[in-house]
């Protein structure tokens, strides 16, 4: 999947549609797929907005609520530490099991 199109482009699509242009003509003019234009218009009709939907969450969070306090404390103590530098301290503070990557 490609990146999200700009809000400006989406608004121009909707404006052209309001002016009476067909979806195929809009797709050709703005070099978009017909289905993309159809989806933008359908979303506009349903929500009244040309904005993109929020990005899905994807993978679950790696830092759970209990770890947020620990992470905040570690970052305050070591503000220039990298993720890799903080990871061992996080594992130790949260009592994570020791593992060896293979």
N, C-alpha and C. Protein backbone atom coordinates (compact mmCIF):
# COMPACT_ATOMS: atom_id res chain seq x y z
N UNK A 1 0.84 -1.17 0.00
CA UNK A 1 0.00 0.00 0.00
C UNK A 1 0.89 1.23 0.00
N UNK A 2 0.51 2.23 -0.78
CA UNK A 2 1.31 3.44 -0.87
C UNK A 2 0.97 4.38 0.27
N UNK A 3 1.71 5.47 0.34
CA UNK A 3 1.47 6.44 1.40
C UNK A 3 0.16 7.18 1.14
N UNK A 4 -0.32 7.85 2.15
CA UNK A 4 -1.57 8.59 2.07
C UNK A 4 -1.43 9.79 1.15
N UNK A 5 -2.42 10.01 0.30
CA UNK A 5 -2.42 11.20 -0.54
C UNK A 5 -2.69 12.42 0.33
N UNK A 6 -2.23 13.58 -0.13
CA UNK A 6 -2.39 14.80 0.65
C UNK A 6 -3.86 15.19 0.76
N UNK A 7 -4.16 15.90 1.83
CA UNK A 7 -5.52 16.40 2.03
C UNK A 7 -5.90 17.34 0.89
N UNK A 8 -4.94 18.13 0.41
CA UNK A 8 -5.18 19.05 -0.69
C UNK A 8 -5.68 18.30 -1.93
N UNK A 9 -5.03 17.20 -2.26
CA UNK A 9 -5.44 16.41 -3.42
C UNK A 9 -6.83 15.83 -3.21
N UNK A 10 -7.10 15.34 -2.04
CA UNK A 10 -8.42 14.78 -1.75
C UNK A 10 -9.50 15.86 -1.88
N UNK A 11 -9.20 17.06 -1.37
CA UNK A 11 -10.17 18.15 -1.45
C UNK A 11 -10.40 18.58 -2.89
N UNK A 12 -9.35 18.57 -3.72
CA UNK A 12 -9.52 18.90 -5.14
C UNK A 12 -10.37 17.86 -5.84
N UNK A 13 -10.20 16.59 -5.48
CA UNK A 13 -11.04 15.53 -6.04
C UNK A 13 -12.51 15.78 -5.71
N UNK A 14 -12.78 16.09 -4.45
CA UNK A 14 -14.15 16.32 -4.00
C UNK A 14 -14.73 17.56 -4.69
N UNK A 15 -13.92 18.62 -4.80
CA UNK A 15 -14.39 19.85 -5.47
C UNK A 15 -14.75 19.57 -6.92
N UNK A 16 -13.92 18.82 -7.62
CA UNK A 16 -14.20 18.48 -9.02
C UNK A 16 -15.49 17.67 -9.12
N UNK A 17 -15.69 16.77 -8.18
CA UNK A 17 -16.91 15.96 -8.17
C UNK A 17 -18.14 16.85 -7.93
N UNK A 18 -18.01 17.82 -7.00
CA UNK A 18 -19.11 18.76 -6.73
C UNK A 18 -19.42 19.61 -7.96
N UNK A 19 -18.41 19.89 -8.77
CA UNK A 19 -18.61 20.68 -9.99
C UNK A 19 -19.25 19.86 -11.10
N UNK A 20 -19.43 18.57 -10.87
CA UNK A 20 -20.10 17.73 -11.84
C UNK A 20 -19.21 16.83 -12.66
N UNK A 21 -17.91 16.85 -12.41
CA UNK A 21 -17.01 15.96 -13.14
C UNK A 21 -17.26 14.51 -12.74
N UNK A 22 -17.11 13.62 -13.69
CA UNK A 22 -17.27 12.20 -13.41
C UNK A 22 -16.06 11.64 -12.70
N UNK A 23 -16.25 10.53 -12.04
CA UNK A 23 -15.16 9.90 -11.29
C UNK A 23 -14.02 9.47 -12.21
N UNK A 24 -14.35 8.97 -13.38
CA UNK A 24 -13.29 8.56 -14.33
C UNK A 24 -12.47 9.77 -14.78
N UNK A 25 -13.15 10.88 -15.05
CA UNK A 25 -12.45 12.10 -15.48
C UNK A 25 -11.55 12.63 -14.36
N UNK A 26 -12.05 12.58 -13.15
CA UNK A 26 -11.26 13.03 -11.99
C UNK A 26 -10.03 12.15 -11.83
N UNK A 27 -10.22 10.86 -11.96
CA UNK A 27 -9.09 9.92 -11.83
C UNK A 27 -8.02 10.22 -12.87
N UNK A 28 -8.44 10.46 -14.12
CA UNK A 28 -7.46 10.77 -15.18
C UNK A 28 -6.77 12.11 -14.90
N UNK A 29 -7.54 13.13 -14.52
CA UNK A 29 -6.97 14.46 -14.32
C UNK A 29 -5.92 14.46 -13.21
N UNK A 30 -6.20 13.78 -12.12
CA UNK A 30 -5.28 13.80 -10.98
C UNK A 30 -4.37 12.58 -10.92
N UNK A 31 -4.41 11.77 -11.97
CA UNK A 31 -3.57 10.57 -12.08
C UNK A 31 -3.74 9.64 -10.87
N UNK A 32 -4.99 9.36 -10.58
CA UNK A 32 -5.35 8.45 -9.50
C UNK A 32 -6.13 7.29 -10.08
N UNK A 33 -6.22 6.22 -9.35
CA UNK A 33 -7.06 5.11 -9.76
C UNK A 33 -8.53 5.45 -9.57
N UNK A 34 -9.35 4.90 -10.43
CA UNK A 34 -10.79 5.13 -10.34
C UNK A 34 -11.32 4.72 -8.97
N UNK A 35 -10.88 3.58 -8.48
CA UNK A 35 -11.36 3.08 -7.18
C UNK A 35 -10.95 4.03 -6.05
N UNK A 36 -9.77 4.63 -6.17
CA UNK A 36 -9.31 5.59 -5.16
C UNK A 36 -10.25 6.79 -5.12
N UNK A 37 -10.57 7.33 -6.29
CA UNK A 37 -11.49 8.48 -6.36
C UNK A 37 -12.85 8.08 -5.80
N UNK A 38 -13.34 6.92 -6.18
CA UNK A 38 -14.63 6.44 -5.69
C UNK A 38 -14.62 6.33 -4.16
N UNK A 39 -13.52 5.83 -3.61
CA UNK A 39 -13.40 5.67 -2.16
C UNK A 39 -13.37 7.03 -1.46
N UNK A 40 -12.62 8.01 -2.03
CA UNK A 40 -12.57 9.34 -1.42
C UNK A 40 -13.95 9.98 -1.40
N UNK A 41 -14.69 9.85 -2.49
CA UNK A 41 -16.02 10.44 -2.56
C UNK A 41 -16.97 9.74 -1.60
N UNK A 42 -16.90 8.42 -1.54
CA UNK A 42 -17.75 7.67 -0.61
C UNK A 42 -17.46 8.06 0.84
N UNK A 43 -16.19 8.21 1.17
CA UNK A 43 -15.84 8.61 2.54
C UNK A 43 -16.35 10.01 2.83
N UNK A 44 -16.23 10.91 1.83
CA UNK A 44 -16.72 12.27 2.01
C UNK A 44 -18.24 12.27 2.23
N UNK A 45 -18.95 11.47 1.45
CA UNK A 45 -20.41 11.40 1.61
C UNK A 45 -20.80 10.83 2.97
N UNK A 46 -20.01 9.89 3.47
CA UNK A 46 -20.33 9.25 4.75
C UNK A 46 -19.95 10.11 5.95
N UNK A 47 -18.82 10.83 5.85
CA UNK A 47 -18.31 11.55 7.02
C UNK A 47 -18.35 13.06 6.89
N UNK A 48 -18.47 13.57 5.65
CA UNK A 48 -18.42 15.01 5.43
C UNK A 48 -17.02 15.56 5.45
N UNK A 49 -16.03 14.69 5.45
CA UNK A 49 -14.63 15.10 5.52
C UNK A 49 -13.82 14.39 4.45
N UNK A 50 -12.81 15.08 3.94
CA UNK A 50 -11.90 14.48 2.96
C UNK A 50 -10.67 13.89 3.65
N UNK A 51 -10.59 14.01 4.96
CA UNK A 51 -9.41 13.53 5.69
C UNK A 51 -9.28 12.01 5.58
N UNK A 52 -8.04 11.57 5.64
CA UNK A 52 -7.76 10.13 5.64
C UNK A 52 -8.19 9.53 6.97
N UNK A 53 -8.49 8.25 6.94
CA UNK A 53 -8.79 7.55 8.19
C UNK A 53 -7.51 7.45 9.01
N UNK A 54 -7.64 7.32 10.32
CA UNK A 54 -6.44 7.12 11.14
C UNK A 54 -5.74 5.83 10.75
N UNK A 55 -4.45 5.82 10.88
CA UNK A 55 -3.66 4.63 10.57
C UNK A 55 -4.00 3.53 11.56
N UNK A 56 -4.10 2.32 11.07
CA UNK A 56 -4.38 1.17 11.93
C UNK A 56 -3.26 0.95 12.92
N UNK A 57 -3.56 0.28 13.98
CA UNK A 57 -2.57 0.10 15.05
C UNK A 57 -1.46 -0.86 14.68
N UNK A 58 -1.74 -1.81 13.80
CA UNK A 58 -0.69 -2.75 13.41
C UNK A 58 -0.27 -3.63 14.58
N UNK A 59 1.02 -3.70 14.81
CA UNK A 59 1.56 -4.55 15.88
C UNK A 59 1.18 -4.00 17.25
N UNK A 60 1.00 -4.87 18.23
CA UNK A 60 0.68 -4.39 19.57
C UNK A 60 1.85 -3.62 20.17
N UNK A 61 1.54 -2.78 21.13
CA UNK A 61 2.57 -1.97 21.78
C UNK A 61 3.62 -2.86 22.41
N UNK A 62 4.86 -2.41 22.32
CA UNK A 62 5.95 -3.16 22.94
C UNK A 62 6.14 -2.74 24.40
N UNK A 63 5.79 -1.50 24.72
CA UNK A 63 5.91 -1.02 26.10
C UNK A 63 4.50 -0.95 26.67
N UNK A 64 4.23 -1.80 27.64
CA UNK A 64 2.91 -1.80 28.27
C UNK A 64 2.85 -0.69 29.31
N UNK A 65 1.68 -0.44 29.85
CA UNK A 65 1.49 0.66 30.79
C UNK A 65 2.47 0.62 31.95
N UNK A 66 2.73 -0.57 32.49
CA UNK A 66 3.66 -0.68 33.62
C UNK A 66 5.06 -0.25 33.22
N UNK A 67 5.42 -0.48 31.99
CA UNK A 67 6.76 -0.13 31.53
C UNK A 67 6.93 1.34 31.21
N UNK A 68 5.82 2.07 31.03
CA UNK A 68 5.93 3.49 30.70
C UNK A 68 6.62 4.27 31.81
N UNK A 69 6.25 3.99 33.06
CA UNK A 69 6.87 4.70 34.18
C UNK A 69 8.36 4.40 34.25
N UNK A 70 8.71 3.14 34.05
CA UNK A 70 10.12 2.74 34.08
C UNK A 70 10.87 3.44 32.95
N UNK A 71 10.29 3.43 31.76
CA UNK A 71 10.94 4.06 30.61
C UNK A 71 11.12 5.56 30.84
N UNK A 72 10.10 6.22 31.34
CA UNK A 72 10.20 7.66 31.62
C UNK A 72 11.31 7.94 32.61
N UNK A 73 11.40 7.14 33.68
CA UNK A 73 12.46 7.34 34.68
C UNK A 73 13.83 7.14 34.05
N UNK A 74 13.98 6.09 33.25
CA UNK A 74 15.28 5.81 32.62
C UNK A 74 15.68 6.91 31.64
N UNK A 75 14.72 7.42 30.89
CA UNK A 75 15.03 8.49 29.94
C UNK A 75 15.43 9.76 30.68
N UNK A 76 14.78 10.04 31.81
CA UNK A 76 15.15 11.22 32.60
C UNK A 76 16.56 11.07 33.19
N UNK A 77 16.90 9.85 33.59
CA UNK A 77 18.23 9.60 34.16
C UNK A 77 19.32 9.59 33.10
N UNK A 78 18.97 9.14 31.90
CA UNK A 78 19.95 9.01 30.81
C UNK A 78 19.36 9.60 29.53
N UNK A 79 19.25 10.94 29.44
CA UNK A 79 18.55 11.55 28.30
C UNK A 79 19.20 11.31 26.94
N UNK A 80 20.49 11.00 26.92
CA UNK A 80 21.15 10.79 25.64
C UNK A 80 21.29 9.31 25.28
N UNK A 81 20.66 8.44 26.03
CA UNK A 81 20.75 7.00 25.77
C UNK A 81 19.93 6.63 24.53
N UNK A 82 20.39 5.63 23.81
CA UNK A 82 19.67 5.13 22.65
C UNK A 82 18.68 4.06 23.08
N UNK A 83 17.82 3.64 22.15
CA UNK A 83 16.89 2.54 22.44
C UNK A 83 17.64 1.30 22.87
N UNK A 84 18.71 1.01 22.13
CA UNK A 84 19.51 -0.17 22.45
C UNK A 84 20.17 -0.06 23.82
N UNK A 85 20.52 1.16 24.21
CA UNK A 85 21.12 1.37 25.51
C UNK A 85 20.13 1.24 26.66
N UNK A 86 18.88 1.60 26.40
CA UNK A 86 17.86 1.53 27.44
C UNK A 86 17.25 0.14 27.58
N UNK A 87 17.32 -0.65 26.54
CA UNK A 87 16.66 -1.97 26.54
C UNK A 87 17.11 -2.87 27.69
N UNK A 88 18.42 -3.02 27.95
CA UNK A 88 18.82 -3.89 29.06
C UNK A 88 18.29 -3.41 30.41
N UNK A 89 18.29 -2.09 30.62
CA UNK A 89 17.78 -1.54 31.87
C UNK A 89 16.28 -1.78 32.00
N UNK A 90 15.56 -1.67 30.88
CA UNK A 90 14.12 -1.94 30.89
C UNK A 90 13.86 -3.40 31.25
N UNK A 91 14.60 -4.31 30.61
CA UNK A 91 14.40 -5.73 30.89
C UNK A 91 14.69 -6.03 32.36
N UNK A 92 15.75 -5.44 32.90
CA UNK A 92 16.12 -5.67 34.29
C UNK A 92 15.04 -5.12 35.22
N UNK A 93 14.60 -3.89 34.97
CA UNK A 93 13.63 -3.24 35.85
C UNK A 93 12.27 -3.94 35.82
N UNK A 94 11.91 -4.49 34.68
CA UNK A 94 10.60 -5.14 34.56
C UNK A 94 10.63 -6.62 34.86
N UNK A 95 11.83 -7.14 35.14
CA UNK A 95 11.95 -8.55 35.46
C UNK A 95 11.71 -9.46 34.28
N UNK A 96 12.05 -8.99 33.09
CA UNK A 96 11.87 -9.82 31.90
C UNK A 96 12.87 -10.96 31.93
N UNK A 97 12.48 -12.12 31.41
CA UNK A 97 13.40 -13.25 31.41
C UNK A 97 14.61 -12.98 30.53
N UNK A 98 15.71 -13.54 30.92
CA UNK A 98 16.94 -13.39 30.14
C UNK A 98 16.91 -14.39 29.00
N UNK A 99 17.12 -13.90 27.80
CA UNK A 99 17.13 -14.78 26.63
C UNK A 99 18.35 -14.49 25.79
N UNK A 100 18.72 -15.46 25.00
CA UNK A 100 19.83 -15.29 24.07
C UNK A 100 19.27 -15.36 22.66
N UNK A 101 19.44 -14.29 21.86
CA UNK A 101 18.93 -14.34 20.50
C UNK A 101 19.72 -15.35 19.68
N UNK A 102 19.06 -16.05 18.81
CA UNK A 102 19.72 -17.05 17.97
C UNK A 102 19.61 -16.69 16.53
